[in-house]
């Protein structure tokens, strides 16, 4: 009887482990933020968890605001704001204010992510 119970527990752990996505975020909230416009399709990224892809397929890694998270569900990865709200989902076209740092990551300003119609 113990083996089926252990197998069920192991399966549950694997499912739950697959639900979270490691999102690269700022180490603390910022008071001042650049106002350049970043836009593109929200895509999975090994570098930042979620990134933006432009019309040519070029990927821009993102430094998300402090407190943002991401989770995987049946429809893909959802970007979650610091208040727990779903801001966008993988595949959405989004715009956000921010600026590119020396590391090449586009640092998104808190409160500026919005889903927009596809470009092109």
PDB file of N, CA and C in Angstrom:
ATOM      1  N   UNK A   1       0.808  -1.201   0.000  1.00  0.00           N
ATOM      2  CA  UNK A   1       0.000   0.000   0.000  1.00  0.00           C
ATOM      3  C   UNK A   1       0.848   1.261   0.000  1.00  0.00           C
ATOM      4  N   UNK A   2       2.046   1.204   0.520  1.00  0.00           N
ATOM      5  CA  UNK A   2       2.876   2.402   0.596  1.00  0.00           C
ATOM      6  C   UNK A   2       3.372   2.847  -0.765  1.00  0.00           C
ATOM      7  N   UNK A   3       3.665   1.938  -1.663  1.00  0.00           N
ATOM      8  CA  UNK A   3       4.217   2.296  -2.968  1.00  0.00           C
ATOM      9  C   UNK A   3       3.236   3.143  -3.776  1.00  0.00           C
ATOM     10  N   UNK A   4       1.945   2.785  -3.899  1.00  0.00           N
ATOM     11  CA  UNK A   4       1.027   3.660  -4.644  1.00  0.00           C
ATOM     12  C   UNK A   4       0.913   5.046  -4.019  1.00  0.00           C
ATOM     13  N   UNK A   5       0.909   5.099  -2.705  1.00  0.00           N
ATOM     14  CA  UNK A   5       0.803   6.390  -2.023  1.00  0.00           C
ATOM     15  C   UNK A   5       2.037   7.246  -2.312  1.00  0.00           C
ATOM     16  N   UNK A   6       3.227   6.638  -2.268  1.00  0.00           N
ATOM     17  CA  UNK A   6       4.463   7.355  -2.568  1.00  0.00           C
ATOM     18  C   UNK A   6       4.504   7.794  -4.031  1.00  0.00           C
ATOM     19  N   UNK A   7       4.032   6.953  -4.926  1.00  0.00           N
ATOM     20  CA  UNK A   7       4.000   7.301  -6.346  1.00  0.00           C
ATOM     21  C   UNK A   7       3.066   8.489  -6.581  1.00  0.00           C
ATOM     22  N   UNK A   8       1.918   8.500  -5.921  1.00  0.00           N
ATOM     23  CA  UNK A   8       0.977   9.613  -6.056  1.00  0.00           C
ATOM     24  C   UNK A   8       1.584  10.905  -5.512  1.00  0.00           C
ATOM     25  N   UNK A   9       2.269  10.814  -4.398  1.00  0.00           N
ATOM     26  CA  UNK A   9       2.921  11.977  -3.814  1.00  0.00           C
ATOM     27  C   UNK A   9       4.020  12.509  -4.734  1.00  0.00           C
ATOM     28  N   UNK A  10       4.816  11.608  -5.284  1.00  0.00           N
ATOM     29  CA  UNK A  10       5.881  12.020  -6.212  1.00  0.00           C
ATOM     30  C   UNK A  10       5.299  12.692  -7.450  1.00  0.00           C
ATOM     31  N   UNK A  11       4.195  12.172  -7.965  1.00  0.00           N
ATOM     32  CA  UNK A  11       3.548  12.778  -9.131  1.00  0.00           C
ATOM     33  C   UNK A  11       3.049  14.184  -8.804  1.00  0.00           C
ATOM     34  N   UNK A  12       2.454  14.349  -7.635  1.00  0.00           N
ATOM     35  CA  UNK A  12       1.960  15.666  -7.229  1.00  0.00           C
ATOM     36  C   UNK A  12       3.092  16.670  -7.110  1.00  0.00           C
ATOM     37  N   UNK A  13       4.218  16.250  -6.563  1.00  0.00           N
ATOM     38  CA  UNK A  13       5.380  17.128  -6.431  1.00  0.00           C
ATOM     39  C   UNK A  13       5.880  17.549  -7.805  1.00  0.00           C
ATOM     40  N   UNK A  14       5.952  16.625  -8.742  1.00  0.00           N
ATOM     41  CA  UNK A  14       6.408  16.960 -10.091  1.00  0.00           C
ATOM     42  C   UNK A  14       5.464  17.926 -10.779  1.00  0.00           C
ATOM     43  N   UNK A  15       4.164  17.740 -10.616  1.00  0.00           N
ATOM     44  CA  UNK A  15       3.185  18.645 -11.224  1.00  0.00           C
ATOM     45  C   UNK A  15       3.327  20.040 -10.635  1.00  0.00           C
ATOM     46  N   UNK A  16       3.419  20.146  -9.321  1.00  0.00           N
ATOM     47  CA  UNK A  16       3.546  21.456  -8.678  1.00  0.00           C
ATOM     48  C   UNK A  16       4.859  22.129  -9.044  1.00  0.00           C
ATOM     49  N   UNK A  17       5.930  21.376  -9.162  1.00  0.00           N
ATOM     50  CA  UNK A  17       7.226  21.953  -9.531  1.00  0.00           C
ATOM     51  C   UNK A  17       7.169  22.539 -10.932  1.00  0.00           C
ATOM     52  N   UNK A  18       6.364  21.948 -11.796  1.00  0.00           N
ATOM     53  CA  UNK A  18       6.241  22.446 -13.164  1.00  0.00           C
ATOM     54  C   UNK A  18       5.391  23.697 -13.274  1.00  0.00           C
ATOM     55  N   UNK A  19       4.666  24.078 -12.220  1.00  0.00           N
ATOM     56  CA  UNK A  19       3.759  25.218 -12.281  1.00  0.00           C
ATOM     57  C   UNK A  19       4.470  26.561 -12.124  1.00  0.00           C
ATOM     58  N   UNK A  20       5.549  26.609 -11.370  1.00  0.00           N
ATOM     59  CA  UNK A  20       6.226  27.882 -11.159  1.00  0.00           C
ATOM     60  C   UNK A  20       7.262  28.118 -12.254  1.00  0.00           C
ATOM     61  N   UNK A  21       7.462  29.365 -12.571  1.00  0.00           N
ATOM     62  CA  UNK A  21       8.434  29.775 -13.585  1.00  0.00           C
ATOM     63  C   UNK A  21       9.385  30.747 -12.918  1.00  0.00           C
ATOM     64  N   UNK A  22      10.678  30.541 -13.084  1.00  0.00           N
ATOM     65  CA  UNK A  22      11.674  31.436 -12.501  1.00  0.00           C
ATOM     66  C   UNK A  22      11.724  32.720 -13.320  1.00  0.00           C
ATOM     67  N   UNK A  23      11.257  33.807 -12.757  1.00  0.00           N
ATOM     68  CA  UNK A  23      11.210  35.102 -13.426  1.00  0.00           C
ATOM     69  C   UNK A  23      12.337  35.978 -12.885  1.00  0.00           C
ATOM     70  N   UNK A  24      13.106  36.598 -13.770  1.00  0.00           N
ATOM     71  CA  UNK A  24      14.167  37.507 -13.323  1.00  0.00           C
ATOM     72  C   UNK A  24      13.522  38.840 -12.955  1.00  0.00           C
ATOM     73  N   UNK A  25      13.691  39.254 -11.703  1.00  0.00           N
ATOM     74  CA  UNK A  25      13.079  40.493 -11.218  1.00  0.00           C
ATOM     75  C   UNK A  25      14.116  41.391 -10.559  1.00  0.00           C
ATOM     76  N   UNK A  26      13.760  42.662 -10.448  1.00  0.00           N
ATOM     77  CA  UNK A  26      14.605  43.625  -9.756  1.00  0.00           C
ATOM     78  C   UNK A  26      14.696  43.214  -8.286  1.00  0.00           C
ATOM     79  N   UNK A  27      15.845  43.453  -7.642  1.00  0.00           N
ATOM     80  CA  UNK A  27      16.010  43.040  -6.247  1.00  0.00           C
ATOM     81  C   UNK A  27      15.197  43.869  -5.253  1.00  0.00           C
ATOM     82  N   UNK A  28      14.732  45.048  -5.666  1.00  0.00           N
ATOM     83  CA  UNK A  28      13.935  45.918  -4.798  1.00  0.00           C
ATOM     84  C   UNK A  28      13.087  46.834  -5.670  1.00  0.00           C
ATOM     85  N   UNK A  29      12.053  47.406  -5.077  1.00  0.00           N
ATOM     86  CA  UNK A  29      11.211  48.362  -5.801  1.00  0.00           C
ATOM     87  C   UNK A  29      12.040  49.607  -6.135  1.00  0.00           C
ATOM     88  N   UNK A  30      11.774  50.201  -7.290  1.00  0.00           N
ATOM     89  CA  UNK A  30      12.485  51.413  -7.702  1.00  0.00           C
ATOM     90  C   UNK A  30      11.532  52.596  -7.710  1.00  0.00           C
ATOM     91  N   UNK A  31      12.067  53.765  -7.433  1.00  0.00           N
ATOM     92  CA  UNK A  31      11.257  54.984  -7.404  1.00  0.00           C
ATOM     93  C   UNK A  31      11.279  55.717  -8.734  1.00  0.00           C
ATOM     94  N   UNK A  32      12.357  55.567  -9.488  1.00  0.00           N
ATOM     95  CA  UNK A  32      12.533  56.259 -10.770  1.00  0.00           C
ATOM     96  C   UNK A  32      12.730  55.201 -11.847  1.00  0.00           C
ATOM     97  N   UNK A  33      12.123  55.444 -13.024  1.00  0.00           N
ATOM     98  CA  UNK A  33      12.198  54.449 -14.084  1.00  0.00           C
ATOM     99  C   UNK A  33      12.296  55.141 -15.434  1.00  0.00           C
ATOM    100  N   UNK A  34      13.071  54.559 -16.358  1.00  0.00           N
ATOM    101  CA  UNK A  34      13.147  55.087 -17.716  1.00  0.00           C
ATOM    102  C   UNK A  34      11.790  54.962 -18.394  1.00  0.00           C
ATOM    103  N   UNK A  35      11.586  55.745 -19.455  1.00  0.00           N
ATOM    104  CA  UNK A  35      10.283  55.749 -20.110  1.00  0.00           C
ATOM    105  C   UNK A  35      10.344  55.343 -21.571  1.00  0.00           C
ATOM    106  N   UNK A  36      11.354  54.579 -21.961  1.00  0.00           N
ATOM    107  CA  UNK A  36      11.383  54.054 -23.332  1.00  0.00           C
ATOM    108  C   UNK A  36      10.278  53.010 -23.462  1.00  0.00           C
ATOM    109  N   UNK A  37       9.797  52.803 -24.678  1.00  0.00           N
ATOM    110  CA  UNK A  37       8.728  51.837 -24.907  1.00  0.00           C
ATOM    111  C   UNK A  37       9.316  50.519 -25.399  1.00  0.00           C
ATOM    112  N   UNK A  38       9.007  49.450 -24.706  1.00  0.00           N
ATOM    113  CA  UNK A  38       9.364  48.108 -25.149  1.00  0.00           C
ATOM    114  C   UNK A  38       8.091  47.400 -25.557  1.00  0.00           C
ATOM    115  N   UNK A  39       8.146  46.630 -26.632  1.00  0.00           N
ATOM    116  CA  UNK A  39       6.943  45.922 -27.060  1.00  0.00           C
ATOM    117  C   UNK A  39       7.313  44.643 -27.787  1.00  0.00           C
ATOM    118  N   UNK A  40       6.382  43.723 -27.842  1.00  0.00           N
ATOM    119  CA  UNK A  40       6.571  42.471 -28.556  1.00  0.00           C
ATOM    120  C   UNK A  40       5.671  41.389 -28.004  1.00  0.00           C
ATOM    121  N   UNK A  41       5.847  40.204 -28.562  1.00  0.00           N
ATOM    122  CA  UNK A  41       5.082  39.031 -28.116  1.00  0.00           C
ATOM    123  C   UNK A  41       5.770  38.474 -26.879  1.00  0.00           C
ATOM    124  N   UNK A  42       4.996  38.167 -25.856  1.00  0.00           N
ATOM    125  CA  UNK A  42       5.514  37.592 -24.621  1.00  0.00           C
ATOM    126  C   UNK A  42       5.856  36.122 -24.869  1.00  0.00           C
ATOM    127  N   UNK A  43       7.130  35.778 -24.666  1.00  0.00           N
ATOM    128  CA  UNK A  43       7.608  34.421 -24.937  1.00  0.00           C
ATOM    129  C   UNK A  43       8.409  33.900 -23.746  1.00  0.00           C
ATOM    130  N   UNK A  44       8.466  32.573 -23.613  1.00  0.00           N
ATOM    131  CA  UNK A  44       9.284  31.946 -22.576  1.00  0.00           C
ATOM    132  C   UNK A  44      10.753  32.226 -22.860  1.00  0.00           C
ATOM    133  N   UNK A  45      11.533  32.399 -21.795  1.00  0.00           N
ATOM    134  CA  UNK A  45      12.948  32.723 -21.938  1.00  0.00           C
ATOM    135  C   UNK A  45      13.754  32.051 -20.838  1.00  0.00           C
ATOM    136  N   UNK A  46      14.842  31.413 -21.225  1.00  0.00           N
ATOM    137  CA  UNK A  46      15.738  30.813 -20.231  1.00  0.00           C
ATOM    138  C   UNK A  46      16.450  31.889 -19.429  1.00  0.00           C
ATOM    139  N   UNK A  47      16.665  33.072 -20.020  1.00  0.00           N
ATOM    140  CA  UNK A  47      17.390  34.148 -19.341  1.00  0.00           C
ATOM    141  C   UNK A  47      16.540  34.910 -18.339  1.00  0.00           C
ATOM    142  N   UNK A  48      15.268  35.187 -18.685  1.00  0.00           N
ATOM    143  CA  UNK A  48      14.469  36.042 -17.814  1.00  0.00           C
ATOM    144  C   UNK A  48      13.110  35.458 -17.445  1.00  0.00           C
ATOM    145  N   UNK A  49      12.846  34.229 -17.817  1.00  0.00           N
ATOM    146  CA  UNK A  49      11.547  33.614 -17.529  1.00  0.00           C
ATOM    147  C   UNK A  49      10.539  33.931 -18.604  1.00  0.00           C
ATOM    148  N   UNK A  50      10.317  35.213 -18.831  1.00  0.00           N
ATOM    149  CA  UNK A  50       9.496  35.716 -19.930  1.00  0.00           C
ATOM    150  C   UNK A  50      10.251  36.862 -20.585  1.00  0.00           C
ATOM    151  N   UNK A  51      10.192  36.931 -21.902  1.00  0.00           N
ATOM    152  CA  UNK A  51      10.895  37.961 -22.661  1.00  0.00           C
ATOM    153  C   UNK A  51       9.955  38.489 -23.737  1.00  0.00           C
ATOM    154  N   UNK A  52      10.436  39.463 -24.510  1.00  0.00           N
ATOM    155  CA  UNK A  52       9.663  40.016 -25.625  1.00  0.00           C
ATOM    156  C   UNK A  52      10.335  39.654 -26.937  1.00  0.00           C
ATOM    157  N   UNK A  53       9.544  39.162 -27.885  1.00  0.00           N
ATOM    158  CA  UNK A  53      10.035  38.852 -29.229  1.00  0.00           C
ATOM    159  C   UNK A  53       9.462  39.886 -30.190  1.00  0.00           C
ATOM    160  N   UNK A  54      10.333  40.507 -31.002  1.00  0.00           N
ATOM    161  CA  UNK A  54       9.837  41.480 -31.970  1.00  0.00           C
ATOM    162  C   UNK A  54       9.353  40.767 -33.234  1.00  0.00           C
ATOM    163  N   UNK A  55       8.911  41.526 -34.229  1.00  0.00           N
ATOM    164  CA  UNK A  55       8.360  40.965 -35.449  1.00  0.00           C
ATOM    165  C   UNK A  55       9.323  40.093 -36.228  1.00  0.00           C
ATOM    166  N   UNK A  56      10.625  40.309 -36.058  1.00  0.00           N
ATOM    167  CA  UNK A  56      11.627  39.503 -36.769  1.00  0.00           C
ATOM    168  C   UNK A  56      12.065  38.283 -35.952  1.00  0.00           C
ATOM    169  N   UNK A  57      11.520  38.156 -34.738  1.00  0.00           N
ATOM    170  CA  UNK A  57      11.875  37.026 -33.887  1.00  0.00           C
ATOM    171  C   UNK A  57      13.014  37.296 -32.919  1.00  0.00           C
ATOM    172  N   UNK A  58      13.581  38.519 -32.958  1.00  0.00           N
ATOM    173  CA  UNK A  58      14.649  38.873 -32.016  1.00  0.00           C
ATOM    174  C   UNK A  58      14.077  38.942 -30.602  1.00  0.00           C
ATOM    175  N   UNK A  59      14.760  38.300 -29.669  1.00  0.00           N
ATOM    176  CA  UNK A  59      14.294  38.208 -28.284  1.00  0.00           C
ATOM    177  C   UNK A  59      15.009  39.243 -27.421  1.00  0.00           C
ATOM    178  N   UNK A  60      14.235  39.995 -26.651  1.00  0.00           N
ATOM    179  CA  UNK A  60      14.784  40.929 -25.675  1.00  0.00           C
ATOM    180  C   UNK A  60      14.501  40.383 -24.280  1.00  0.00           C
ATOM    181  N   UNK A  61      15.554  40.031 -23.526  1.00  0.00           N
ATOM    182  CA  UNK A  61      15.324  39.555 -22.157  1.00  0.00           C
ATOM    183  C   UNK A  61      14.849  40.712 -21.278  1.00  0.00           C
ATOM    184  N   UNK A  62      14.048  40.391 -20.283  1.00  0.00           N
ATOM    185  CA  UNK A  62      13.410  41.405 -19.441  1.00  0.00           C
ATOM    186  C   UNK A  62      13.842  41.269 -17.991  1.00  0.00           C
ATOM    187  N   UNK A  63      14.058  42.410 -17.347  1.00  0.00           N
ATOM    188  CA  UNK A  63      14.179  42.473 -15.897  1.00  0.00           C
ATOM    189  C   UNK A  63      12.825  42.989 -15.419  1.00  0.00           C
ATOM    190  N   UNK A  64      12.035  42.097 -14.842  1.00  0.00           N
ATOM    191  CA  UNK A  64      10.679  42.442 -14.413  1.00  0.00           C
ATOM    192  C   UNK A  64      10.726  43.199 -13.089  1.00  0.00           C
ATOM    193  N   UNK A  65       9.702  43.998 -12.791  1.00  0.00           N
ATOM    194  CA  UNK A  65       9.685  44.737 -11.521  1.00  0.00           C
ATOM    195  C   UNK A  65       9.683  43.815 -10.308  1.00  0.00           C
ATOM    196  N   UNK A  66      10.200  44.339  -9.220  1.00  0.00           N
ATOM    197  CA  UNK A  66      10.212  43.640  -7.934  1.00  0.00           C
ATOM    198  C   UNK A  66       8.786  43.197  -7.586  1.00  0.00           C
ATOM    199  N   UNK A  67       8.646  41.954  -7.159  1.00  0.00           N
ATOM    200  CA  UNK A  67       7.343  41.432  -6.745  1.00  0.00           C
ATOM    201  C   UNK A  67       6.563  40.731  -7.835  1.00  0.00           C
ATOM    202  N   UNK A  68       6.984  40.854  -9.102  1.00  0.00           N
ATOM    203  CA  UNK A  68       6.301  40.150 -10.186  1.00  0.00           C
ATOM    204  C   UNK A  68       6.690  38.676 -10.142  1.00  0.00           C
ATOM    205  N   UNK A  69       5.771  37.813 -10.558  1.00  0.00           N
ATOM    206  CA  UNK A  69       6.021  36.385 -10.638  1.00  0.00           C
ATOM    207  C   UNK A  69       5.417  35.856 -11.936  1.00  0.00           C
ATOM    208  N   UNK A  70       5.613  34.592 -12.179  1.00  0.00           N
ATOM    209  CA  UNK A  70       5.005  33.940 -13.335  1.00  0.00           C
ATOM    210  C   UNK A  70       4.620  32.530 -12.933  1.00  0.00           C
ATOM    211  N   UNK A  71       3.577  32.030 -13.553  1.00  0.00           N
ATOM    212  CA  UNK A  71       3.165  30.650 -13.295  1.00  0.00           C
ATOM    213  C   UNK A  71       2.711  29.999 -14.596  1.00  0.00           C
ATOM    214  N   UNK A  72       2.943  28.726 -14.670  1.00  0.00           N
ATOM    215  CA  UNK A  72       2.553  27.943 -15.845  1.00  0.00           C
ATOM    216  C   UNK A  72       1.207  27.287 -15.554  1.00  0.00           C
ATOM    217  N   UNK A  73       0.290  27.391 -16.533  1.00  0.00           N
ATOM    218  CA  UNK A  73      -0.973  26.674 -16.426  1.00  0.00           C
ATOM    219  C   UNK A  73      -1.255  26.010 -17.774  1.00  0.00           C
ATOM    220  N   UNK A  74      -2.453  25.536 -17.966  1.00  0.00           N
ATOM    221  CA  UNK A  74      -2.782  24.787 -19.184  1.00  0.00           C
ATOM    222  C   UNK A  74      -2.627  25.625 -20.453  1.00  0.00           C
ATOM    223  N   UNK A  75      -2.778  26.950 -20.346  1.00  0.00           N
ATOM    224  CA  UNK A  75      -2.686  27.799 -21.539  1.00  0.00           C
ATOM    225  C   UNK A  75      -1.304  28.409 -21.745  1.00  0.00           C
ATOM    226  N   UNK A  76      -0.336  28.079 -20.898  1.00  0.00           N
ATOM    227  CA  UNK A  76       1.022  28.619 -21.035  1.00  0.00           C
ATOM    228  C   UNK A  76       1.461  29.314 -19.765  1.00  0.00           C
ATOM    229  N   UNK A  77       2.312  30.316 -19.916  1.00  0.00           N
ATOM    230  CA  UNK A  77       2.856  31.044 -18.772  1.00  0.00           C
ATOM    231  C   UNK A  77       2.105  32.355 -18.604  1.00  0.00           C
ATOM    232  N   UNK A  78       1.701  32.655 -17.389  1.00  0.00           N
ATOM    233  CA  UNK A  78       1.026  33.911 -17.071  1.00  0.00           C
ATOM    234  C   UNK A  78       1.980  34.809 -16.289  1.00  0.00           C
ATOM    235  N   UNK A  79       2.027  36.092 -16.650  1.00  0.00           N
ATOM    236  CA  UNK A  79       2.797  37.100 -15.918  1.00  0.00           C
ATOM    237  C   UNK A  79       1.892  37.661 -14.834  1.00  0.00           C
ATOM    238  N   UNK A  80       2.365  37.623 -13.594  1.00  0.00           N
ATOM    239  CA  UNK A  80       1.570  38.030 -12.438  1.00  0.00           C
ATOM    240  C   UNK A  80       2.187  39.275 -11.805  1.00  0.00           C
ATOM    241  N   UNK A  81       1.374  40.317 -11.627  1.00  0.00           N
ATOM    242  CA  UNK A  81       1.832  41.546 -10.981  1.00  0.00           C
ATOM    243  C   UNK A  81       2.001  41.352  -9.485  1.00  0.00           C
ATOM    244  N   UNK A  82       2.595  42.335  -8.824  1.00  0.00           N
ATOM    245  CA  UNK A  82       2.881  42.201  -7.391  1.00  0.00           C
ATOM    246  C   UNK A  82       1.629  42.151  -6.527  1.00  0.00           C
ATOM    247  N   UNK A  83       0.465  42.509  -7.077  1.00  0.00           N
ATOM    248  CA  UNK A  83      -0.789  42.409  -6.325  1.00  0.00           C
ATOM    249  C   UNK A  83      -1.508  41.082  -6.596  1.00  0.00           C
ATOM    250  N   UNK A  84      -0.881  40.199  -7.401  1.00  0.00           N
ATOM    251  CA  UNK A  84      -1.459  38.900  -7.692  1.00  0.00           C
ATOM    252  C   UNK A  84      -2.324  38.853  -8.936  1.00  0.00           C
ATOM    253  N   UNK A  85      -2.418  39.956  -9.663  1.00  0.00           N
ATOM    254  CA  UNK A  85      -3.259  40.015 -10.855  1.00  0.00           C
ATOM    255  C   UNK A  85      -2.518  39.494 -12.090  1.00  0.00           C
ATOM    256  N   UNK A  86      -3.242  38.830 -12.993  1.00  0.00           N
ATOM    257  CA  UNK A  86      -2.654  38.378 -14.249  1.00  0.00           C
ATOM    258  C   UNK A  86      -2.550  39.585 -15.174  1.00  0.00           C
ATOM    259  N   UNK A  87      -1.322  39.909 -15.569  1.00  0.00           N
ATOM    260  CA  UNK A  87      -1.089  41.068 -16.431  1.00  0.00           C
ATOM    261  C   UNK A  87      -1.113  40.689 -17.904  1.00  0.00           C
ATOM    262  N   UNK A  88      -0.579  39.515 -18.222  1.00  0.00           N
ATOM    263  CA  UNK A  88      -0.509  39.064 -19.611  1.00  0.00           C
ATOM    264  C   UNK A  88      -0.206  37.576 -19.605  1.00  0.00           C
ATOM    265  N   UNK A  89      -0.418  36.959 -20.766  1.00  0.00           N
ATOM    266  CA  UNK A  89      -0.124  35.536 -20.913  1.00  0.00           C
ATOM    267  C   UNK A  89       0.823  35.330 -22.078  1.00  0.00           C
ATOM    268  N   UNK A  90       1.578  34.253 -21.994  1.00  0.00           N
ATOM    269  CA  UNK A  90       2.496  33.886 -23.066  1.00  0.00           C
ATOM    270  C   UNK A  90       1.749  33.918 -24.400  1.00  0.00           C
ATOM    271  N   UNK A  91       2.350  34.596 -25.388  1.00  0.00           N
ATOM    272  CA  UNK A  91       1.729  34.736 -26.699  1.00  0.00           C
ATOM    273  C   UNK A  91       1.039  36.069 -26.900  1.00  0.00           C
ATOM    274  N   UNK A  92       0.708  36.770 -25.794  1.00  0.00           N
ATOM    275  CA  UNK A  92       0.106  38.107 -25.908  1.00  0.00           C
ATOM    276  C   UNK A  92       1.124  39.096 -26.445  1.00  0.00           C
ATOM    277  N   UNK A  93       0.657  40.103 -27.164  1.00  0.00           N
ATOM    278  CA  UNK A  93       1.494  41.234 -27.524  1.00  0.00           C
ATOM    279  C   UNK A  93       1.359  42.252 -26.410  1.00  0.00           C
ATOM    280  N   UNK A  94       2.505  42.720 -25.897  1.00  0.00           N
ATOM    281  CA  UNK A  94       2.483  43.651 -24.780  1.00  0.00           C
ATOM    282  C   UNK A  94       3.368  44.864 -25.060  1.00  0.00           C
ATOM    283  N   UNK A  95       3.068  45.926 -24.362  1.00  0.00           N
ATOM    284  CA  UNK A  95       3.909  47.130 -24.325  1.00  0.00           C
ATOM    285  C   UNK A  95       4.212  47.412 -22.864  1.00  0.00           C
ATOM    286  N   UNK A  96       5.385  47.993 -22.628  1.00  0.00           N
ATOM    287  CA  UNK A  96       5.762  48.381 -21.275  1.00  0.00           C
ATOM    288  C   UNK A  96       6.803  49.478 -21.349  1.00  0.00           C
ATOM    289  N   UNK A  97       6.776  50.383 -20.381  1.00  0.00           N
ATOM    290  CA  UNK A  97       7.801  51.423 -20.278  1.00  0.00           C
ATOM    291  C   UNK A  97       8.985  50.859 -19.513  1.00  0.00           C
ATOM    292  N   UNK A  98      10.175  51.384 -19.838  1.00  0.00           N
ATOM    293  CA  UNK A  98      11.384  50.944 -19.143  1.00  0.00           C
ATOM    294  C   UNK A  98      12.613  51.392 -19.888  1.00  0.00           C
ATOM    295  N   UNK A  99      13.689  50.701 -19.713  1.00  0.00           N
ATOM    296  CA  UNK A  99      14.937  51.037 -20.384  1.00  0.00           C
ATOM    297  C   UNK A  99      15.907  49.884 -20.359  1.00  0.00           C
ATOM    298  N   UNK A 100      16.814  49.877 -21.319  1.00  0.00           N
ATOM    299  CA  UNK A 100      17.796  48.796 -21.437  1.00  0.00           C
ATOM    300  C   UNK A 100      19.052  49.130 -20.644  1.00  0.00           C
ATOM    301  N   UNK A 101      19.465  48.186 -19.806  1.00  0.00           N
ATOM    302  CA  UNK A 101      20.666  48.359 -19.004  1.00  0.00           C
ATOM    303  C   UNK A 101      21.898  47.878 -19.741  1.00  0.00           C
ATOM    304  N   UNK A 102      23.051  48.031 -19.120  1.00  0.00           N
ATOM    305  CA  UNK A 102      24.326  47.619 -19.711  1.00  0.00           C
ATOM    306  C   UNK A 102      24.369  46.115 -19.952  1.00  0.00           C
ATOM    307  N   UNK A 103      23.558  45.346 -19.211  1.00  0.00           N
ATOM    308  CA  UNK A 103      23.531  43.889 -19.378  1.00  0.00           C
ATOM    309  C   UNK A 103      22.657  43.445 -20.549  1.00  0.00           C
ATOM    310  N   UNK A 104      22.001  44.399 -21.232  1.00  0.00           N
ATOM    311  CA  UNK A 104      21.149  44.070 -22.375  1.00  0.00           C
ATOM    312  C   UNK A 104      19.722  43.707 -22.006  1.00  0.00           C
ATOM    313  N   UNK A 105      19.414  43.672 -20.723  1.00  0.00           N
ATOM    314  CA  UNK A 105      18.049  43.395 -20.284  1.00  0.00           C
ATOM    315  C   UNK A 105      17.235  44.687 -20.304  1.00  0.00           C
ATOM    316  N   UNK A 106      15.993  44.592 -20.746  1.00  0.00           N
ATOM    317  CA  UNK A 106      15.079  45.725 -20.714  1.00  0.00           C
ATOM    318  C   UNK A 106      14.397  45.704 -19.352  1.00  0.00           C
ATOM    319  N   UNK A 107      14.644  46.726 -18.527  1.00  0.00           N
ATOM    320  CA  UNK A 107      14.062  46.809 -17.182  1.00  0.00           C
ATOM    321  C   UNK A 107      12.691  47.462 -17.287  1.00  0.00           C
ATOM    322  N   UNK A 108      11.647  46.698 -17.012  1.00  0.00           N
ATOM    323  CA  UNK A 108      10.268  47.168 -17.113  1.00  0.00           C
ATOM    324  C   UNK A 108       9.885  47.954 -15.869  1.00  0.00           C
ATOM    325  N   UNK A 109       9.183  49.059 -16.063  1.00  0.00           N
ATOM    326  CA  UNK A 109       8.667  49.866 -14.955  1.00  0.00           C
ATOM    327  C   UNK A 109       7.392  49.240 -14.408  1.00  0.00           C
ATOM    328  N   UNK A 110       7.254  49.232 -13.102  1.00  0.00           N
ATOM    329  CA  UNK A 110       6.066  48.698 -12.454  1.00  0.00           C
ATOM    330  C   UNK A 110       4.817  49.443 -12.925  1.00  0.00           C
ATOM    331  N   UNK A 111       3.757  48.717 -13.187  1.00  0.00           N
ATOM    332  CA  UNK A 111       2.481  49.325 -13.543  1.00  0.00           C
ATOM    333  C   UNK A 111       2.336  49.723 -14.999  1.00  0.00           C
ATOM    334  N   UNK A 112       3.295  49.370 -15.857  1.00  0.00           N
ATOM    335  CA  UNK A 112       3.226  49.817 -17.241  1.00  0.00           C
ATOM    336  C   UNK A 112       2.943  48.713 -18.255  1.00  0.00           C
ATOM    337  N   UNK A 113       2.880  47.462 -17.823  1.00  0.00           N
ATOM    338  CA  UNK A 113       2.647  46.356 -18.749  1.00  0.00           C
ATOM    339  C   UNK A 113       1.175  46.368 -19.178  1.00  0.00           C
ATOM    340  N   UNK A 114       0.955  46.366 -20.507  1.00  0.00           N
ATOM    341  CA  UNK A 114      -0.415  46.258 -20.998  1.00  0.00           C
ATOM    342  C   UNK A 114      -0.454  45.428 -22.266  1.00  0.00           C
ATOM    343  N   UNK A 115      -1.514  44.667 -22.413  1.00  0.00           N
ATOM    344  CA  UNK A 115      -1.718  43.857 -23.611  1.00  0.00           C
ATOM    345  C   UNK A 115      -2.263  44.773 -24.699  1.00  0.00           C
ATOM    346  N   UNK A 116      -1.699  44.652 -25.921  1.00  0.00           N
ATOM    347  CA  UNK A 116      -2.080  45.493 -27.066  1.00  0.00           C
ATOM    348  C   UNK A 116      -2.359  44.594 -28.274  1.00  0.00           C
ATOM    349  N   UNK A 117      -2.999  45.144 -29.314  1.00  0.00           N
ATOM    350  CA  UNK A 117      -3.188  44.351 -30.544  1.00  0.00           C
ATOM    351  C   UNK A 117      -1.837  44.015 -31.176  1.00  0.00           C
ATOM    352  N   UNK A 118      -1.758  42.879 -31.873  1.00  0.00           N
ATOM    353  CA  UNK A 118      -0.488  42.484 -32.527  1.00  0.00           C
ATOM    354  C   UNK A 118      -0.005  43.545 -33.509  1.00  0.00           C
ATOM    355  N   UNK A 119       1.326  43.663 -33.619  1.00  0.00           N
ATOM    356  CA  UNK A 119       1.893  44.598 -34.589  1.00  0.00           C
ATOM    357  C   UNK A 119       1.919  43.928 -35.957  1.00  0.00           C
ATOM    358  N   UNK A 120       2.114  44.716 -36.982  1.00  0.00           N
ATOM    359  CA  UNK A 120       2.252  44.153 -38.321  1.00  0.00           C
ATOM    360  C   UNK A 120       1.117  44.422 -39.129  1.00  0.00           C
TER     361      UNK A 120
END
